[in-house]
PDB file of N, CA and C in Angstrom:
ATOM      1  N   UNK A   1       0.998  -1.023   0.173  1.00  0.00           N
ATOM      2  CA  UNK A   1       0.070   0.114   0.054  1.00  0.00           C
ATOM      3  C   UNK A   1       0.912   1.312   0.039  1.00  0.00           C
ATOM      4  N   UNK A   2       0.596   2.108  -0.999  1.00  0.00           N
ATOM      5  CA  UNK A   2       1.378   3.485  -0.810  1.00  0.00           C
ATOM      6  C   UNK A   2       0.781   4.240   0.141  1.00  0.00           C
ATOM      7  N   UNK A   3       1.805   4.956   0.859  1.00  0.00           N
ATOM      8  CA  UNK A   3       1.682   5.931   1.911  1.00  0.00           C
ATOM      9  C   UNK A   3       2.228   7.289   1.789  1.00  0.00           C
ATOM     10  N   UNK A   4       1.878   8.260   2.318  1.00  0.00           N
ATOM     11  CA  UNK A   4       2.797   9.329   2.692  1.00  0.00           C
ATOM     12  C   UNK A   4       2.729   9.571   3.998  1.00  0.00           C
ATOM     13  N   UNK A   5       3.997   9.907   4.515  1.00  0.00           N
ATOM     14  CA  UNK A   5       4.034  10.017   6.001  1.00  0.00           C
ATOM     15  C   UNK A   5       4.580  11.469   6.370  1.00  0.00           C
ATOM     16  N   UNK A   6       4.306  12.012   7.432  1.00  0.00           N
ATOM     17  CA  UNK A   6       4.620  13.525   7.853  1.00  0.00           C
ATOM     18  C   UNK A   6       4.183  13.784   9.238  1.00  0.00           C
ATOM     19  N   UNK A   7       4.484  14.852   9.479  1.00  0.00           N
ATOM     20  CA  UNK A   7       4.075  15.472  10.739  1.00  0.00           C
ATOM     21  C   UNK A   7       3.482  16.894  10.493  1.00  0.00           C
ATOM     22  N   UNK A   8       2.572  17.479  11.209  1.00  0.00           N
ATOM     23  CA  UNK A   8       2.121  18.728  11.304  1.00  0.00           C
ATOM     24  C   UNK A   8       2.561  19.159  12.637  1.00  0.00           C
ATOM     25  N   UNK A   9       3.103  20.480  12.574  1.00  0.00           N
ATOM     26  CA  UNK A   9       3.431  21.391  13.745  1.00  0.00           C
ATOM     27  C   UNK A   9       3.198  22.571  13.875  1.00  0.00           C
ATOM     28  N   UNK A  10       2.603  23.387  12.898  1.00  0.00           N
ATOM     29  CA  UNK A  10       2.345  24.833  12.621  1.00  0.00           C
ATOM     30  C   UNK A  10       1.072  24.762  11.546  1.00  0.00           C
ATOM     31  N   UNK A  11       0.206  25.837  11.918  1.00  0.00           N
ATOM     32  CA  UNK A  11      -0.803  26.165  11.051  1.00  0.00           C
ATOM     33  C   UNK A  11      -0.196  26.762   9.739  1.00  0.00           C
ATOM     34  N   UNK A  12      -1.038  26.533   8.514  1.00  0.00           N
ATOM     35  CA  UNK A  12      -0.622  27.246   7.457  1.00  0.00           C
ATOM     36  C   UNK A  12      -1.684  27.492   6.545  1.00  0.00           C
ATOM     37  N   UNK A  13      -1.631  28.204   5.529  1.00  0.00           N
ATOM     38  CA  UNK A  13      -2.542  28.744   4.603  1.00  0.00           C
ATOM     39  C   UNK A  13      -2.741  27.652   3.461  1.00  0.00           C
ATOM     40  N   UNK A  14      -3.836  27.730   2.762  1.00  0.00           N
ATOM     41  CA  UNK A  14      -4.195  26.827   1.510  1.00  0.00           C
ATOM     42  C   UNK A  14      -2.808  26.601   0.809  1.00  0.00           C
ATOM     43  N   UNK A  15      -1.875  27.735   0.585  1.00  0.00           N
ATOM     44  CA  UNK A  15      -0.745  27.600  -0.151  1.00  0.00           C
ATOM     45  C   UNK A  15       0.261  26.945   0.463  1.00  0.00           C
ATOM     46  N   UNK A  16       0.104  26.613   1.830  1.00  0.00           N
ATOM     47  CA  UNK A  16       0.914  26.166   2.893  1.00  0.00           C
ATOM     48  C   UNK A  16       2.192  26.969   3.241  1.00  0.00           C
ATOM     49  N   UNK A  17       2.612  26.354   4.391  1.00  0.00           N
ATOM     50  CA  UNK A  17       3.924  27.109   4.907  1.00  0.00           C
ATOM     51  C   UNK A  17       4.492  25.487   5.424  1.00  0.00           C
ATOM     52  N   UNK A  18       5.679  25.772   5.884  1.00  0.00           N
ATOM     53  CA  UNK A  18       6.673  24.668   6.270  1.00  0.00           C
ATOM     54  C   UNK A  18       5.883  23.936   7.736  1.00  0.00           C
ATOM     55  N   UNK A  19       5.586  22.668   7.311  1.00  0.00           N
ATOM     56  CA  UNK A  19       5.004  21.861   8.561  1.00  0.00           C
ATOM     57  C   UNK A  19       3.717  21.955   8.509  1.00  0.00           C
ATOM     58  N   UNK A  20       2.903  22.619   7.655  1.00  0.00           N
ATOM     59  CA  UNK A  20       1.643  22.775   7.618  1.00  0.00           C
ATOM     60  C   UNK A  20       0.643  21.685   6.715  1.00  0.00           C
ATOM     61  N   UNK A  21       1.279  21.030   5.982  1.00  0.00           N
ATOM     62  CA  UNK A  21       0.688  19.964   5.156  1.00  0.00           C
ATOM     63  C   UNK A  21       1.446  18.853   4.918  1.00  0.00           C
ATOM     64  N   UNK A  22       0.429  17.661   4.937  1.00  0.00           N
ATOM     65  CA  UNK A  22       1.104  16.315   4.355  1.00  0.00           C
ATOM     66  C   UNK A  22       0.254  15.939   3.123  1.00  0.00           C
ATOM     67  N   UNK A  23       0.823  15.869   2.263  1.00  0.00           N
ATOM     68  CA  UNK A  23       0.371  15.378   0.899  1.00  0.00           C
ATOM     69  C   UNK A  23       0.487  14.134   0.445  1.00  0.00           C
ATOM     70  N   UNK A  24      -0.558  13.619  -0.016  1.00  0.00           N
ATOM     71  CA  UNK A  24      -0.298  12.247  -0.913  1.00  0.00           C
ATOM     72  C   UNK A  24      -0.536  12.870  -2.268  1.00  0.00           C
ATOM     73  N   UNK A  25       0.177  12.682  -3.265  1.00  0.00           N
ATOM     74  CA  UNK A  25      -0.123  13.271  -4.653  1.00  0.00           C
ATOM     75  C   UNK A  25      -0.104  11.902  -5.721  1.00  0.00           C
ATOM     76  N   UNK A  26      -0.323  12.262  -7.022  1.00  0.00           N
ATOM     77  CA  UNK A  26      -0.312  11.409  -8.060  1.00  0.00           C
ATOM     78  C   UNK A  26       1.323  11.472  -8.689  1.00  0.00           C
ATOM     79  N   UNK A  27       2.057  11.950  -8.067  1.00  0.00           N
ATOM     80  CA  UNK A  27       3.378  11.950  -8.570  1.00  0.00           C
ATOM     81  C   UNK A  27       4.422  10.899  -8.027  1.00  0.00           C
ATOM     82  N   UNK A  28       4.572  11.087  -6.537  1.00  0.00           N
ATOM     83  CA  UNK A  28       5.229  10.441  -5.672  1.00  0.00           C
ATOM     84  C   UNK A  28       5.277  10.154  -4.287  1.00  0.00           C
ATOM     85  N   UNK A  29       4.358   9.267  -3.732  1.00  0.00           N
ATOM     86  CA  UNK A  29       4.219   7.853  -4.625  1.00  0.00           C
ATOM     87  C   UNK A  29       2.983   8.224  -5.310  1.00  0.00           C
ATOM     88  N   UNK A  30       2.615   7.508  -6.278  1.00  0.00           N
ATOM     89  CA  UNK A  30       1.551   7.799  -7.218  1.00  0.00           C
ATOM     90  C   UNK A  30       0.041   7.057  -6.647  1.00  0.00           C
ATOM     91  N   UNK A  31      -0.938   7.879  -6.754  1.00  0.00           N
ATOM     92  CA  UNK A  31      -2.342   7.464  -6.352  1.00  0.00           C
ATOM     93  C   UNK A  31      -2.663   6.675  -7.504  1.00  0.00           C
ATOM     94  N   UNK A  32      -3.259   5.492  -7.333  1.00  0.00           N
ATOM     95  CA  UNK A  32      -3.905   4.439  -8.124  1.00  0.00           C
ATOM     96  C   UNK A  32      -5.293   5.215  -8.654  1.00  0.00           C
ATOM     97  N   UNK A  33      -5.145   5.361  -9.846  1.00  0.00           N
ATOM     98  CA  UNK A  33      -6.561   6.342 -10.587  1.00  0.00           C
ATOM     99  C   UNK A  33      -7.751   5.281 -10.634  1.00  0.00           C
ATOM    100  N   UNK A  34      -7.481   4.044 -10.169  1.00  0.00           N
ATOM    101  CA  UNK A  34      -8.711   3.133  -9.906  1.00  0.00           C
ATOM    102  C   UNK A  34      -9.068   2.980  -8.644  1.00  0.00           C
ATOM    103  N   UNK A  35      -8.293   3.687  -7.352  1.00  0.00           N
ATOM    104  CA  UNK A  35      -8.450   3.770  -6.209  1.00  0.00           C
ATOM    105  C   UNK A  35      -9.861   4.430  -5.831  1.00  0.00           C
ATOM    106  N   UNK A  36     -10.921   3.521  -5.038  1.00  0.00           N
ATOM    107  CA  UNK A  36     -11.841   4.073  -4.666  1.00  0.00           C
ATOM    108  C   UNK A  36     -11.928   4.654  -3.203  1.00  0.00           C
ATOM    109  N   UNK A  37     -10.868   4.283  -2.176  1.00  0.00           N
ATOM    110  CA  UNK A  37     -10.804   4.739  -0.987  1.00  0.00           C
ATOM    111  C   UNK A  37      -9.542   5.260  -0.509  1.00  0.00           C
ATOM    112  N   UNK A  38      -9.348   6.223   0.143  1.00  0.00           N
ATOM    113  CA  UNK A  38      -8.028   6.534   0.532  1.00  0.00           C
ATOM    114  C   UNK A  38      -8.293   6.942   2.135  1.00  0.00           C
ATOM    115  N   UNK A  39      -7.380   6.797   3.007  1.00  0.00           N
ATOM    116  CA  UNK A  39      -7.581   7.016   4.419  1.00  0.00           C
ATOM    117  C   UNK A  39      -6.339   8.090   5.113  1.00  0.00           C
ATOM    118  N   UNK A  40      -6.793   8.668   6.066  1.00  0.00           N
ATOM    119  CA  UNK A  40      -5.859   9.621   6.696  1.00  0.00           C
ATOM    120  C   UNK A  40      -5.803   9.451   8.225  1.00  0.00           C
ATOM    121  N   UNK A  41      -4.730   9.057   8.727  1.00  0.00           N
ATOM    122  CA  UNK A  41      -4.631   8.769  10.259  1.00  0.00           C
ATOM    123  C   UNK A  41      -3.717   9.912  11.230  1.00  0.00           C
ATOM    124  N   UNK A  42      -4.283  10.456  12.192  1.00  0.00           N
ATOM    125  CA  UNK A  42      -3.591  11.380  12.744  1.00  0.00           C
ATOM    126  C   UNK A  42      -3.273  10.711  14.114  1.00  0.00           C
ATOM    127  N   UNK A  43      -2.079  10.910  14.522  1.00  0.00           N
ATOM    128  CA  UNK A  43      -1.712  10.540  15.926  1.00  0.00           C
ATOM    129  C   UNK A  43      -0.769  11.619  16.537  1.00  0.00           C
ATOM    130  N   UNK A  44      -0.574  11.322  17.853  1.00  0.00           N
ATOM    131  CA  UNK A  44       0.467  12.196  18.502  1.00  0.00           C
ATOM    132  C   UNK A  44      -0.550  12.856  19.549  1.00  0.00           C
ATOM    133  N   UNK A  45       0.495  13.845  20.276  1.00  0.00           N
ATOM    134  CA  UNK A  45      -0.059  14.750  21.462  1.00  0.00           C
ATOM    135  C   UNK A  45      -0.079  16.109  20.709  1.00  0.00           C
ATOM    136  N   UNK A  46      -1.358  16.595  20.476  1.00  0.00           N
ATOM    137  CA  UNK A  46      -1.424  17.828  19.652  1.00  0.00           C
ATOM    138  C   UNK A  46      -2.618  18.691  19.774  1.00  0.00           C
ATOM    139  N   UNK A  47      -2.741  20.032  19.886  1.00  0.00           N
ATOM    140  CA  UNK A  47      -3.795  20.731  19.891  1.00  0.00           C
ATOM    141  C   UNK A  47      -4.052  21.590  18.666  1.00  0.00           C
ATOM    142  N   UNK A  48      -5.129  21.285  17.854  1.00  0.00           N
ATOM    143  CA  UNK A  48      -4.973  22.305  16.587  1.00  0.00           C
ATOM    144  C   UNK A  48      -6.331  21.845  16.146  1.00  0.00           C
ATOM    145  N   UNK A  49      -6.380  22.181  14.594  1.00  0.00           N
ATOM    146  CA  UNK A  49      -7.335  21.499  13.822  1.00  0.00           C
ATOM    147  C   UNK A  49      -6.793  21.322  12.373  1.00  0.00           C
ATOM    148  N   UNK A  50      -7.341  20.142  11.908  1.00  0.00           N
ATOM    149  CA  UNK A  50      -6.715  19.529  10.856  1.00  0.00           C
ATOM    150  C   UNK A  50      -7.715  19.577   9.729  1.00  0.00           C
ATOM    151  N   UNK A  51      -7.429  20.070   8.484  1.00  0.00           N
ATOM    152  CA  UNK A  51      -8.607  20.311   7.375  1.00  0.00           C
ATOM    153  C   UNK A  51      -7.976  19.101   6.579  1.00  0.00           C
ATOM    154  N   UNK A  52      -9.290  18.077   5.924  1.00  0.00           N
ATOM    155  CA  UNK A  52      -9.230  17.125   5.000  1.00  0.00           C
ATOM    156  C   UNK A  52      -9.387  17.803   3.510  1.00  0.00           C
ATOM    157  N   UNK A  53      -8.330  17.553   2.604  1.00  0.00           N
ATOM    158  CA  UNK A  53      -8.676  18.478   1.397  1.00  0.00           C
ATOM    159  C   UNK A  53      -8.393  17.623   0.050  1.00  0.00           C
ATOM    160  N   UNK A  54      -8.888  17.598  -0.915  1.00  0.00           N
ATOM    161  CA  UNK A  54      -8.571  17.084  -2.154  1.00  0.00           C
ATOM    162  C   UNK A  54      -8.147  17.960  -3.295  1.00  0.00           C
ATOM    163  N   UNK A  55      -7.600  17.374  -4.392  1.00  0.00           N
ATOM    164  CA  UNK A  55      -7.584  18.291  -5.601  1.00  0.00           C
ATOM    165  C   UNK A  55      -7.857  17.052  -6.597  1.00  0.00           C
ATOM    166  N   UNK A  56      -8.511  17.512  -7.679  1.00  0.00           N
ATOM    167  CA  UNK A  56      -8.446  16.584  -9.029  1.00  0.00           C
ATOM    168  C   UNK A  56      -7.898  17.109 -10.097  1.00  0.00           C
ATOM    169  N   UNK A  57      -7.131  18.228 -10.039  1.00  0.00           N
ATOM    170  CA  UNK A  57      -6.282  18.751 -10.894  1.00  0.00           C
ATOM    171  C   UNK A  57      -4.680  19.023 -10.626  1.00  0.00           C
ATOM    172  N   UNK A  58      -4.323  17.713 -10.066  1.00  0.00           N
ATOM    173  CA  UNK A  58      -2.862  17.616  -9.725  1.00  0.00           C
ATOM    174  C   UNK A  58      -2.183  18.743  -8.793  1.00  0.00           C
ATOM    175  N   UNK A  59      -3.274  19.069  -8.011  1.00  0.00           N
ATOM    176  CA  UNK A  59      -2.773  19.864  -6.615  1.00  0.00           C
ATOM    177  C   UNK A  59      -2.846  21.567  -6.979  1.00  0.00           C
ATOM    178  N   UNK A  60      -3.288  21.607  -8.184  1.00  0.00           N
ATOM    179  CA  UNK A  60      -3.534  23.069  -8.638  1.00  0.00           C
ATOM    180  C   UNK A  60      -4.586  23.886  -7.395  1.00  0.00           C
ATOM    181  N   UNK A  61      -5.699  23.146  -7.547  1.00  0.00           N
ATOM    182  CA  UNK A  61      -6.675  23.787  -6.988  1.00  0.00           C
ATOM    183  C   UNK A  61      -7.241  22.752  -5.728  1.00  0.00           C
ATOM    184  N   UNK A  62      -7.434  23.349  -4.339  1.00  0.00           N
ATOM    185  CA  UNK A  62      -7.755  22.463  -3.339  1.00  0.00           C
ATOM    186  C   UNK A  62      -9.363  22.691  -2.908  1.00  0.00           C
ATOM    187  N   UNK A  63      -9.883  21.570  -2.513  1.00  0.00           N
ATOM    188  CA  UNK A  63     -11.242  21.701  -2.020  1.00  0.00           C
ATOM    189  C   UNK A  63     -11.432  20.922  -0.708  1.00  0.00           C
ATOM    190  N   UNK A  64     -12.367  21.045   0.290  1.00  0.00           N
ATOM    191  CA  UNK A  64     -12.480  20.224   1.272  1.00  0.00           C
ATOM    192  C   UNK A  64     -13.055  18.783   0.911  1.00  0.00           C
ATOM    193  N   UNK A  65     -12.790  17.895   1.696  1.00  0.00           N
ATOM    194  CA  UNK A  65     -13.491  16.500   1.283  1.00  0.00           C
ATOM    195  C   UNK A  65     -13.841  15.956   2.859  1.00  0.00           C
ATOM    196  N   UNK A  66     -15.068  15.150   2.545  1.00  0.00           N
ATOM    197  CA  UNK A  66     -15.343  14.664   4.000  1.00  0.00           C
ATOM    198  C   UNK A  66     -15.145  13.319   4.020  1.00  0.00           C
ATOM    199  N   UNK A  67     -14.578  12.880   5.230  1.00  0.00           N
ATOM    200  CA  UNK A  67     -14.176  11.371   5.488  1.00  0.00           C
ATOM    201  C   UNK A  67     -14.908  10.989   6.637  1.00  0.00           C
ATOM    202  N   UNK A  68     -15.310   9.640   6.572  1.00  0.00           N
ATOM    203  CA  UNK A  68     -15.992   9.086   7.634  1.00  0.00           C
ATOM    204  C   UNK A  68     -14.839   8.359   8.835  1.00  0.00           C
ATOM    205  N   UNK A  69     -15.095   8.677  10.126  1.00  0.00           N
ATOM    206  CA  UNK A  69     -14.088   8.120  11.226  1.00  0.00           C
ATOM    207  C   UNK A  69     -14.505   6.710  11.034  1.00  0.00           C
ATOM    208  N   UNK A  70     -13.459   6.119  11.303  1.00  0.00           N
ATOM    209  CA  UNK A  70     -13.338   4.658  11.388  1.00  0.00           C
ATOM    210  C   UNK A  70     -13.408   4.250  12.818  1.00  0.00           C
ATOM    211  N   UNK A  71     -14.327   3.028  13.439  1.00  0.00           N
ATOM    212  CA  UNK A  71     -14.887   2.153  12.513  1.00  0.00           C
ATOM    213  C   UNK A  71     -16.163   2.606  11.930  1.00  0.00           C
ATOM    214  N   UNK A  72     -16.818   3.712  12.661  1.00  0.00           N
ATOM    215  CA  UNK A  72     -17.852   4.237  12.243  1.00  0.00           C
ATOM    216  C   UNK A  72     -18.103   5.854  12.990  1.00  0.00           C
ATOM    217  N   UNK A  73     -19.163   6.325  12.273  1.00  0.00           N
ATOM    218  CA  UNK A  73     -19.414   7.730  12.552  1.00  0.00           C
ATOM    219  C   UNK A  73     -19.907   8.568  11.610  1.00  0.00           C
ATOM    220  N   UNK A  74     -20.185  10.125  11.719  1.00  0.00           N
ATOM    221  CA  UNK A  74     -20.683  10.791  10.817  1.00  0.00           C
ATOM    222  C   UNK A  74     -19.554  11.404  10.079  1.00  0.00           C
ATOM    223  N   UNK A  75     -19.586  11.690   8.635  1.00  0.00           N
ATOM    224  CA  UNK A  75     -18.605  12.220   7.769  1.00  0.00           C
ATOM    225  C   UNK A  75     -18.052  13.548   8.087  1.00  0.00           C
ATOM    226  N   UNK A  76     -16.801  13.981   8.329  1.00  0.00           N
ATOM    227  CA  UNK A  76     -16.465  15.450   8.872  1.00  0.00           C
ATOM    228  C   UNK A  76     -15.416  15.861   7.817  1.00  0.00           C
ATOM    229  N   UNK A  77     -15.227  17.154   7.541  1.00  0.00           N
ATOM    230  CA  UNK A  77     -13.773  17.666   6.775  1.00  0.00           C
ATOM    231  C   UNK A  77     -12.880  18.153   7.558  1.00  0.00           C
ATOM    232  N   UNK A  78     -12.865  17.994   8.869  1.00  0.00           N
ATOM    233  CA  UNK A  78     -11.695  18.496   9.789  1.00  0.00           C
ATOM    234  C   UNK A  78     -11.691  17.600  10.932  1.00  0.00           C
ATOM    235  N   UNK A  79     -10.662  17.528  11.665  1.00  0.00           N
ATOM    236  CA  UNK A  79     -10.543  16.773  12.675  1.00  0.00           C
ATOM    237  C   UNK A  79      -9.670  17.801  13.990  1.00  0.00           C
ATOM    238  N   UNK A  80     -10.091  17.475  15.323  1.00  0.00           N
ATOM    239  CA  UNK A  80      -9.380  18.133  16.338  1.00  0.00           C
ATOM    240  C   UNK A  80      -8.675  17.121  17.299  1.00  0.00           C
ATOM    241  N   UNK A  81      -8.501  15.765  16.809  1.00  0.00           N
ATOM    242  CA  UNK A  81      -8.272  14.815  17.757  1.00  0.00           C
ATOM    243  C   UNK A  81      -7.427  13.622  16.791  1.00  0.00           C
ATOM    244  N   UNK A  82      -6.978  12.696  17.451  1.00  0.00           N
ATOM    245  CA  UNK A  82      -6.385  11.367  16.759  1.00  0.00           C
ATOM    246  C   UNK A  82      -7.576  10.671  16.339  1.00  0.00           C
ATOM    247  N   UNK A  83      -7.162   9.820  15.131  1.00  0.00           N
ATOM    248  CA  UNK A  83      -8.057   8.947  14.698  1.00  0.00           C
ATOM    249  C   UNK A  83      -7.634   8.604  13.389  1.00  0.00           C
ATOM    250  N   UNK A  84      -8.655   7.763  12.452  1.00  0.00           N
ATOM    251  CA  UNK A  84      -8.731   7.260  11.246  1.00  0.00           C
ATOM    252  C   UNK A  84      -9.920   7.473  10.347  1.00  0.00           C
ATOM    253  N   UNK A  85      -9.738   8.297   9.280  1.00  0.00           N
ATOM    254  CA  UNK A  85     -10.859   8.588   8.639  1.00  0.00           C
ATOM    255  C   UNK A  85     -10.719   7.735   7.026  1.00  0.00           C
ATOM    256  N   UNK A  86     -11.873   7.589   6.744  1.00  0.00           N
ATOM    257  CA  UNK A  86     -11.860   6.933   5.136  1.00  0.00           C
ATOM    258  C   UNK A  86     -12.345   7.764   4.309  1.00  0.00           C
ATOM    259  N   UNK A  87     -12.067   7.922   3.048  1.00  0.00           N
ATOM    260  CA  UNK A  87     -12.285   9.044   2.053  1.00  0.00           C
ATOM    261  C   UNK A  87     -12.770   8.380   0.691  1.00  0.00           C
ATOM    262  N   UNK A  88     -13.898   8.931  -0.041  1.00  0.00           N
ATOM    263  CA  UNK A  88     -14.322   8.267  -1.146  1.00  0.00           C
ATOM    264  C   UNK A  88     -13.149   9.184  -2.149  1.00  0.00           C
ATOM    265  N   UNK A  89     -12.300   8.698  -2.719  1.00  0.00           N
ATOM    266  CA  UNK A  89     -11.203   9.159  -3.699  1.00  0.00           C
ATOM    267  C   UNK A  89     -11.298   8.981  -5.169  1.00  0.00           C
ATOM    268  N   UNK A  90     -12.517   8.558  -5.646  1.00  0.00           N
ATOM    269  CA  UNK A  90     -12.500   8.283  -6.945  1.00  0.00           C
ATOM    270  C   UNK A  90     -12.411   9.371  -7.848  1.00  0.00           C
ATOM    271  N   UNK A  91     -11.524   9.577  -8.740  1.00  0.00           N
ATOM    272  CA  UNK A  91     -11.418  10.774  -9.623  1.00  0.00           C
ATOM    273  C   UNK A  91     -10.329  11.631  -8.807  1.00  0.00           C
ATOM    274  N   UNK A  92     -10.047  11.526  -7.603  1.00  0.00           N
ATOM    275  CA  UNK A  92      -9.003  12.412  -6.711  1.00  0.00           C
ATOM    276  C   UNK A  92      -7.454  12.368  -7.525  1.00  0.00           C
ATOM    277  N   UNK A  93      -6.930  13.330  -7.532  1.00  0.00           N
ATOM    278  CA  UNK A  93      -5.392  12.954  -7.878  1.00  0.00           C
ATOM    279  C   UNK A  93      -4.568  13.377  -6.579  1.00  0.00           C
ATOM    280  N   UNK A  94      -5.051  14.448  -5.584  1.00  0.00           N
ATOM    281  CA  UNK A  94      -4.020  14.378  -4.340  1.00  0.00           C
ATOM    282  C   UNK A  94      -5.270  14.459  -3.368  1.00  0.00           C
ATOM    283  N   UNK A  95      -4.646  14.279  -1.988  1.00  0.00           N
ATOM    284  CA  UNK A  95      -5.193  14.162  -0.893  1.00  0.00           C
ATOM    285  C   UNK A  95      -4.406  14.608   0.189  1.00  0.00           C
ATOM    286  N   UNK A  96      -4.722  15.482   1.127  1.00  0.00           N
ATOM    287  CA  UNK A  96      -3.908  16.055   2.076  1.00  0.00           C
ATOM    288  C   UNK A  96      -4.452  16.507   3.244  1.00  0.00           C
ATOM    289  N   UNK A  97      -3.823  16.584   4.378  1.00  0.00           N
ATOM    290  CA  UNK A  97      -4.124  17.084   5.715  1.00  0.00           C
ATOM    291  C   UNK A  97      -3.288  18.387   6.115  1.00  0.00           C
ATOM    292  N   UNK A  98      -4.107  19.317   6.092  1.00  0.00           N
ATOM    293  CA  UNK A  98      -3.433  20.882   6.495  1.00  0.00           C
ATOM    294  C   UNK A  98      -4.008  21.240   7.686  1.00  0.00           C
ATOM    295  N   UNK A  99      -2.864  21.714   8.304  1.00  0.00           N
ATOM    296  CA  UNK A  99      -3.275  22.338   9.777  1.00  0.00           C
ATOM    297  C   UNK A  99      -3.631  23.766   9.381  1.00  0.00           C
ATOM    298  N   UNK A 100      -5.098  23.870   9.983  1.00  0.00           N
ATOM    299  CA  UNK A 100      -5.807  25.188   9.641  1.00  0.00           C
ATOM    300  C   UNK A 100      -5.408  26.177  10.711  1.00  0.00           C
ATOM    301  N   UNK A 101      -5.306  25.524  12.058  1.00  0.00           N
ATOM    302  CA  UNK A 101      -5.091  26.271  13.219  1.00  0.00           C
ATOM    303  C   UNK A 101      -4.390  25.327  13.973  1.00  0.00           C
ATOM    304  N   UNK A 102      -3.457  25.780  15.010  1.00  0.00           N
ATOM    305  CA  UNK A 102      -2.463  25.001  15.747  1.00  0.00           C
ATOM    306  C   UNK A 102      -2.265  25.915  16.850  1.00  0.00           C
ATOM    307  N   UNK A 103      -2.253  24.941  18.075  1.00  0.00           N
ATOM    308  CA  UNK A 103      -1.960  25.656  19.598  1.00  0.00           C
ATOM    309  C   UNK A 103      -0.555  25.010  19.947  1.00  0.00           C
ATOM    310  N   UNK A 104      -0.318  23.720  19.968  1.00  0.00           N
ATOM    311  CA  UNK A 104       0.809  23.019  20.406  1.00  0.00           C
ATOM    312  C   UNK A 104       0.915  21.773  19.861  1.00  0.00           C
ATOM    313  N   UNK A 105       2.138  21.235  19.981  1.00  0.00           N
ATOM    314  CA  UNK A 105       2.207  19.684  19.931  1.00  0.00           C
ATOM    315  C   UNK A 105       2.593  19.226  18.500  1.00  0.00           C
ATOM    316  N   UNK A 106       2.734  18.198  18.173  1.00  0.00           N
ATOM    317  CA  UNK A 106       3.010  17.399  16.721  1.00  0.00           C
ATOM    318  C   UNK A 106       2.242  16.396  16.512  1.00  0.00           C
ATOM    319  N   UNK A 107       1.409  16.396  15.336  1.00  0.00           N
ATOM    320  CA  UNK A 107       0.726  15.329  15.010  1.00  0.00           C
ATOM    321  C   UNK A 107       1.336  14.500  13.902  1.00  0.00           C
ATOM    322  N   UNK A 108       1.526  13.164  13.837  1.00  0.00           N
ATOM    323  CA  UNK A 108       2.017  12.300  12.839  1.00  0.00           C
ATOM    324  C   UNK A 108       0.778  11.914  11.951  1.00  0.00           C
ATOM    325  N   UNK A 109       1.194  12.071  10.784  1.00  0.00           N
ATOM    326  CA  UNK A 109      -0.104  12.076   9.758  1.00  0.00           C
ATOM    327  C   UNK A 109       0.549  10.829   8.992  1.00  0.00           C
ATOM    328  N   UNK A 110      -0.379   9.803   8.616  1.00  0.00           N
ATOM    329  CA  UNK A 110      -0.202   8.665   7.710  1.00  0.00           C
ATOM    330  C   UNK A 110      -1.638   8.916   6.549  1.00  0.00           C
ATOM    331  N   UNK A 111      -1.068   9.032   5.265  1.00  0.00           N
ATOM    332  CA  UNK A 111      -2.164   8.918   4.150  1.00  0.00           C
ATOM    333  C   UNK A 111      -1.941   7.872   3.159  1.00  0.00           C
ATOM    334  N   UNK A 112      -3.272   7.235   3.210  1.00  0.00           N
ATOM    335  CA  UNK A 112      -2.668   5.945   2.298  1.00  0.00           C
ATOM    336  C   UNK A 112      -3.992   5.901   1.399  1.00  0.00           C
TER     337      UNK A 112
END
């Protein structure tokens, strides 16, 4: 399974600043164009808000995407705590986790 690994430790804008985005894209590693599901896992000790975002044009334009917490729950477009979310990524070229607000700590991010 292809994965993107990284950490979030500071808030960033949609254009991103250092430490603000962990991105899984169609370049390296490559998203399978036939993939139907993607996952974002957040771990660590942190206080902040992480936005879930998608692109369908190779990362030029970003939009919010809703994911369902695993194993069950209501779909959301952001998170303020650790967990695993499942996303429908049919037609998506890029999937990312972006820190939109940050108070402290570091979140480890796995996107697959």
